[in-house]
N, C-alpha and C. Protein backbone atom coordinates (compact mmCIF):
# COMPACT_ATOMS: atom_id res chain seq x y z
N MET A 1 -19.82 22.67 228.12
CA MET A 1 -19.04 22.52 226.96
C MET A 1 -20.13 22.64 225.52
N ASP A 2 -19.26 23.24 224.91
CA ASP A 2 -19.51 23.67 223.34
C ASP A 2 -19.32 22.45 222.60
N VAL A 3 -19.79 21.42 222.31
CA VAL A 3 -19.44 20.31 221.43
C VAL A 3 -20.24 20.74 219.73
N SER A 4 -19.15 20.64 218.46
CA SER A 4 -19.65 20.98 217.58
C SER A 4 -19.77 19.45 217.00
N CYS A 5 -20.74 18.69 216.12
CA CYS A 5 -20.79 17.64 215.36
C CYS A 5 -20.66 17.70 214.36
N CYS A 6 -19.93 18.95 213.08
CA CYS A 6 -19.65 18.42 211.87
C CYS A 6 -18.55 19.94 211.73
N VAL A 7 -17.51 19.24 211.13
CA VAL A 7 -16.82 20.22 211.01
C VAL A 7 -16.79 20.63 209.51
N PRO A 8 -16.61 22.37 208.79
CA PRO A 8 -16.76 22.64 208.53
C PRO A 8 -16.31 22.29 206.63
N LEU A 9 -17.18 22.34 205.81
CA LEU A 9 -16.53 21.75 204.47
C LEU A 9 -15.69 22.34 203.60
N ALA A 10 -16.13 23.69 203.88
CA ALA A 10 -15.04 24.81 202.95
C ALA A 10 -14.64 26.18 204.10
N GLU A 11 -13.35 26.34 204.01
CA GLU A 11 -13.17 27.73 204.36
C GLU A 11 -13.27 28.56 203.89
N ARG A 12 -13.71 28.69 202.36
CA ARG A 12 -14.03 29.17 201.64
C ARG A 12 -14.83 29.06 200.56
N ARG A 13 -15.85 29.37 199.85
CA ARG A 13 -16.26 29.22 198.64
C ARG A 13 -16.44 30.24 197.96
N VAL A 14 -17.08 29.65 196.34
CA VAL A 14 -16.97 30.58 194.83
C VAL A 14 -17.78 31.56 194.83
N PRO A 15 -17.32 33.17 195.07
CA PRO A 15 -18.28 34.48 194.95
C PRO A 15 -19.05 34.07 194.17
N ALA A 16 -19.97 34.43 194.47
CA ALA A 16 -21.19 34.37 193.40
C ALA A 16 -21.05 34.71 191.98
N GLU A 17 -20.52 35.68 191.66
CA GLU A 17 -20.39 36.50 190.32
C GLU A 17 -18.91 35.00 189.80
N ALA A 18 -18.34 34.97 190.26
CA ALA A 18 -17.48 33.31 189.93
C ALA A 18 -17.96 32.54 189.69
N ALA A 19 -19.44 31.80 190.36
CA ALA A 19 -20.32 30.87 190.30
C ALA A 19 -20.69 31.17 188.71
N ALA A 20 -21.53 32.29 188.67
CA ALA A 20 -22.17 32.92 187.64
C ALA A 20 -21.47 32.47 186.08
N VAL A 21 -19.85 32.54 186.16
CA VAL A 21 -19.58 32.41 185.32
C VAL A 21 -19.67 30.81 184.86
N LEU A 22 -18.72 30.07 185.49
CA LEU A 22 -17.76 29.10 186.20
C LEU A 22 -19.19 27.80 185.49
N ALA A 23 -20.42 27.49 186.42
CA ALA A 23 -21.48 26.88 186.42
C ALA A 23 -22.25 26.60 184.75
N PRO A 24 -21.89 27.31 184.11
CA PRO A 24 -22.42 26.91 182.86
C PRO A 24 -21.27 25.96 181.63
N ALA A 25 -20.18 26.73 182.50
CA ALA A 25 -18.80 25.91 181.97
C ALA A 25 -18.64 24.35 182.35
N PHE A 26 -18.91 24.19 183.80
CA PHE A 26 -18.78 22.89 184.00
C PHE A 26 -20.19 22.21 183.46
N LYS A 27 -21.14 23.10 183.09
CA LYS A 27 -21.92 22.11 182.69
C LYS A 27 -22.12 21.18 181.42
N ALA A 28 -21.57 22.31 180.50
CA ALA A 28 -20.98 22.23 179.24
C ALA A 28 -20.12 20.77 179.18
N LEU A 29 -19.15 20.90 180.32
CA LEU A 29 -18.22 19.84 180.08
C LEU A 29 -18.91 18.60 181.01
N GLY A 30 -19.97 18.43 180.94
CA GLY A 30 -20.94 17.35 181.64
C GLY A 30 -20.80 16.41 180.60
N ASP A 31 -20.76 16.34 179.28
CA ASP A 31 -20.91 15.82 178.36
C ASP A 31 -19.83 15.36 177.69
N PRO A 32 -19.32 13.47 177.87
CA PRO A 32 -17.99 13.32 177.20
C PRO A 32 -17.71 13.71 176.15
N VAL A 33 -18.57 14.00 174.93
CA VAL A 33 -17.83 14.50 174.05
C VAL A 33 -17.50 15.54 173.70
N ARG A 34 -17.93 16.89 174.74
CA ARG A 34 -17.73 18.54 174.97
C ARG A 34 -16.34 17.95 175.61
N LEU A 35 -16.45 17.07 176.66
CA LEU A 35 -15.08 17.38 177.43
C LEU A 35 -13.97 16.94 176.52
N GLN A 36 -14.17 15.87 175.53
CA GLN A 36 -12.87 15.19 174.62
C GLN A 36 -12.40 16.15 173.25
N LEU A 37 -13.81 17.08 173.43
CA LEU A 37 -13.42 18.40 172.52
C LEU A 37 -12.42 19.24 172.81
N LEU A 38 -13.13 19.71 173.74
CA LEU A 38 -12.03 20.60 174.40
C LEU A 38 -10.78 20.37 174.98
N SER A 39 -10.39 19.51 175.25
CA SER A 39 -9.12 18.22 175.52
C SER A 39 -8.60 18.48 173.85
N MET A 40 -9.16 18.39 172.58
CA MET A 40 -8.32 18.33 171.71
C MET A 40 -8.18 19.82 171.19
N ILE A 41 -8.84 20.92 171.66
CA ILE A 41 -8.90 21.93 171.12
C ILE A 41 -7.94 22.85 171.78
N ALA A 42 -7.30 22.53 173.59
CA ALA A 42 -6.65 22.85 174.46
C ALA A 42 -5.49 22.43 173.82
N SER A 43 -5.01 21.02 173.71
CA SER A 43 -3.75 20.53 173.29
C SER A 43 -3.02 20.31 171.81
N ALA A 44 -4.15 21.77 171.51
CA ALA A 44 -3.98 22.01 169.59
C ALA A 44 -2.45 22.67 169.41
N GLU A 45 -1.38 22.00 168.93
CA GLU A 45 -0.01 22.59 169.35
C GLU A 45 0.09 24.04 168.47
N SER A 46 -0.82 23.75 167.50
CA SER A 46 -0.45 25.62 167.08
C SER A 46 -1.60 26.76 167.78
N GLY A 47 -2.31 25.91 168.96
CA GLY A 47 -3.21 27.11 169.60
C GLY A 47 -4.88 26.87 169.67
N GLU A 48 -4.85 26.41 167.84
CA GLU A 48 -6.09 26.30 167.44
C GLU A 48 -6.25 25.38 166.50
N ILE A 49 -7.45 24.74 166.45
CA ILE A 49 -8.01 23.31 165.53
C ILE A 49 -8.65 23.68 164.50
N CYS A 50 -8.80 23.08 163.50
CA CYS A 50 -9.96 23.23 162.33
C CYS A 50 -10.82 22.46 162.70
N VAL A 51 -12.24 22.53 162.36
CA VAL A 51 -13.95 21.95 162.59
C VAL A 51 -13.07 20.25 161.68
N CYS A 52 -12.14 20.92 160.48
CA CYS A 52 -12.12 19.27 160.02
C CYS A 52 -11.46 18.72 159.92
N ASP A 53 -10.09 18.57 161.39
CA ASP A 53 -9.40 17.98 162.07
C ASP A 53 -10.47 16.89 163.44
N LEU A 54 -11.36 18.05 163.41
CA LEU A 54 -11.84 17.44 164.90
C LEU A 54 -13.30 16.24 164.81
N THR A 55 -13.71 16.66 163.77
CA THR A 55 -14.83 15.95 163.49
C THR A 55 -14.14 14.34 163.07
N PRO A 56 -13.64 14.08 162.32
CA PRO A 56 -13.17 12.40 161.86
C PRO A 56 -12.42 11.61 163.04
N ALA A 57 -12.15 12.55 164.73
CA ALA A 57 -11.73 11.24 165.51
C ALA A 57 -12.82 11.34 166.58
N PHE A 58 -14.53 11.57 165.62
CA PHE A 58 -15.36 11.02 166.22
C PHE A 58 -16.55 9.87 165.77
N ASP A 59 -17.43 9.01 166.13
CA ASP A 59 -17.77 8.70 164.98
C ASP A 59 -19.55 9.50 164.84
N LEU A 60 -19.56 10.60 165.21
CA LEU A 60 -20.69 11.61 165.02
C LEU A 60 -21.05 11.93 163.69
N THR A 61 -21.89 12.70 163.71
CA THR A 61 -22.26 13.48 162.42
C THR A 61 -22.18 14.72 162.41
N GLY A 62 -21.46 15.57 161.42
CA GLY A 62 -20.41 16.59 161.74
C GLY A 62 -21.49 17.91 162.26
N PRO A 63 -23.13 17.70 162.22
CA PRO A 63 -24.04 18.51 162.63
C PRO A 63 -23.65 18.31 164.32
N THR A 64 -23.79 17.33 164.61
CA THR A 64 -23.66 16.49 165.92
C THR A 64 -22.67 17.04 166.68
N ILE A 65 -21.31 17.24 165.93
CA ILE A 65 -20.16 17.84 166.08
C ILE A 65 -20.32 19.45 166.60
N SER A 66 -21.03 19.91 165.73
CA SER A 66 -20.88 21.61 165.21
C SER A 66 -22.16 22.15 166.45
N HIS A 67 -23.00 21.14 166.82
CA HIS A 67 -23.54 21.48 168.12
C HIS A 67 -23.34 21.61 169.29
N HIS A 68 -21.98 20.11 169.67
CA HIS A 68 -21.00 20.34 171.03
C HIS A 68 -20.34 21.44 170.89
N LEU A 69 -19.47 21.93 169.82
CA LEU A 69 -18.97 22.96 169.48
C LEU A 69 -19.39 24.29 169.81
N ARG A 70 -20.34 24.44 169.20
CA ARG A 70 -21.58 25.34 170.00
C ARG A 70 -22.11 25.58 171.40
N THR A 71 -22.22 24.59 171.75
CA THR A 71 -22.26 24.74 173.40
C THR A 71 -21.15 25.42 174.18
N LEU A 72 -19.52 24.63 173.25
CA LEU A 72 -18.58 24.69 174.28
C LEU A 72 -18.41 26.18 174.28
N ARG A 73 -18.68 26.93 173.01
CA ARG A 73 -18.60 28.45 172.31
C ARG A 73 -19.66 29.26 173.69
N GLU A 74 -20.56 28.60 173.37
CA GLU A 74 -21.64 29.66 174.23
C GLU A 74 -21.46 29.12 175.89
N ALA A 75 -20.77 28.70 176.37
CA ALA A 75 -20.32 28.61 177.63
C ALA A 75 -19.18 29.15 177.99
N GLY A 76 -18.66 29.98 176.74
CA GLY A 76 -17.15 30.67 177.12
C GLY A 76 -15.69 29.98 177.08
N LEU A 77 -15.88 28.59 176.89
CA LEU A 77 -14.57 27.26 176.38
C LEU A 77 -14.14 28.04 175.76
N VAL A 78 -14.04 28.06 174.46
CA VAL A 78 -13.85 28.54 173.04
C VAL A 78 -13.92 29.45 172.74
N ASP A 79 -13.49 30.03 171.64
CA ASP A 79 -13.59 31.10 170.38
C ASP A 79 -13.51 30.42 169.26
N ALA A 80 -14.24 30.75 168.49
CA ALA A 80 -14.46 30.11 167.06
C ALA A 80 -13.79 31.45 165.71
N GLU A 81 -13.90 30.96 164.84
CA GLU A 81 -13.19 32.21 163.64
C GLU A 81 -13.30 31.46 162.32
N ARG A 82 -14.31 32.20 161.74
CA ARG A 82 -14.54 31.26 160.06
C ARG A 82 -13.49 32.27 159.04
N ARG A 83 -12.77 30.89 158.46
CA ARG A 83 -11.84 31.38 157.66
C ARG A 83 -12.18 30.07 156.43
N GLY A 84 -12.97 31.44 155.24
CA GLY A 84 -13.36 30.20 154.02
C GLY A 84 -14.83 29.51 154.47
N THR A 85 -14.23 28.29 154.34
CA THR A 85 -15.70 27.26 154.53
C THR A 85 -15.39 26.51 155.63
N TRP A 86 -14.33 27.06 156.65
CA TRP A 86 -13.71 25.78 157.59
C TRP A 86 -13.65 27.19 158.52
N VAL A 87 -14.30 26.30 160.44
CA VAL A 87 -14.35 27.06 161.03
C VAL A 87 -12.80 26.60 162.37
N TYR A 88 -12.30 27.43 162.74
CA TYR A 88 -11.17 27.44 163.93
C TYR A 88 -11.16 27.82 165.23
N TYR A 89 -10.98 26.42 165.77
CA TYR A 89 -11.59 27.12 167.38
C TYR A 89 -10.01 26.97 168.38
N ARG A 90 -10.62 27.94 169.63
CA ARG A 90 -9.21 28.09 170.14
C ARG A 90 -9.69 28.21 171.37
N ALA A 91 -8.93 27.44 172.57
CA ALA A 91 -9.64 27.73 174.12
C ALA A 91 -9.37 28.88 174.38
N ARG A 92 -10.25 29.22 175.46
CA ARG A 92 -9.84 30.66 175.97
C ARG A 92 -9.35 29.73 177.22
N THR A 93 -8.37 30.79 177.24
CA THR A 93 -7.09 30.37 178.66
C THR A 93 -7.23 30.61 179.91
N GLY A 94 -8.19 31.91 180.02
CA GLY A 94 -8.91 32.31 180.98
C GLY A 94 -9.44 31.74 181.90
N ILE A 95 -11.02 31.36 181.54
CA ILE A 95 -11.83 30.66 181.86
C ILE A 95 -11.34 29.15 182.38
N LEU A 96 -10.31 28.29 181.62
CA LEU A 96 -9.78 27.28 181.97
C LEU A 96 -8.82 26.98 183.06
N ARG A 97 -7.66 28.56 183.31
CA ARG A 97 -7.26 28.19 184.75
C ARG A 97 -8.02 28.73 185.69
N GLN A 98 -9.28 29.48 185.80
CA GLN A 98 -10.28 29.52 186.61
C GLN A 98 -10.60 28.36 187.14
N LEU A 99 -11.21 27.71 186.16
CA LEU A 99 -12.01 26.13 186.66
C LEU A 99 -10.80 25.10 187.06
N ALA A 100 -9.92 25.20 186.43
CA ALA A 100 -8.16 24.36 187.17
C ALA A 100 -8.10 24.55 188.74
N ALA A 101 -8.24 26.00 188.69
CA ALA A 101 -7.80 26.90 190.31
C ALA A 101 -9.39 26.96 190.83
N LEU A 102 -10.21 26.35 190.42
CA LEU A 102 -11.50 26.18 191.61
C LEU A 102 -11.17 24.73 192.07
N LEU A 103 -10.84 23.81 190.99
CA LEU A 103 -10.42 22.07 191.46
C LEU A 103 -9.55 21.80 191.84
N THR A 104 -8.11 22.88 192.09
CA THR A 104 -7.27 22.88 193.05
C THR A 104 -7.48 22.28 194.36
N VAL A 105 -6.82 21.35 194.90
CA VAL A 105 -7.46 20.71 196.14
C VAL A 105 -6.03 21.41 197.35
N ALA A 106 -6.31 21.98 197.99
CA ALA A 106 -5.63 22.18 199.07
C ALA A 106 -5.01 20.92 200.00
N PRO A 107 -3.21 21.41 200.19
CA PRO A 107 -2.84 19.97 201.02
C PRO A 107 -3.86 19.58 202.00
N ALA A 108 -3.25 19.05 202.45
CA ALA A 108 -4.16 18.00 204.05
C ALA A 108 -2.94 18.52 204.75
N THR A 109 -3.61 18.87 205.64
CA THR A 109 -2.56 19.42 207.02
C THR A 109 -2.47 18.51 208.24
């Protein structure tokens, strides 16, 4: 009699290429400030938001906010565009959709 002691945890796993792209994004979102920043950027009505509108929402210095925004940019979560003295941020919807798809739980059967 063949008895299996463990039920498989997952029927499919994330392909290595996708994991290499998504892991830095998850790492960047592991900080509460960066998660809040991304939430604000992604929910901006115009699709973009100025750093001048992000900074007052936190009890942090401008350079600290800039550091967090740079981390989000380097992780591929946001794009930045300088306009004069201000920088505007826009969420990269493609990677956000990939993250959401990865976190989607299949219905229980």
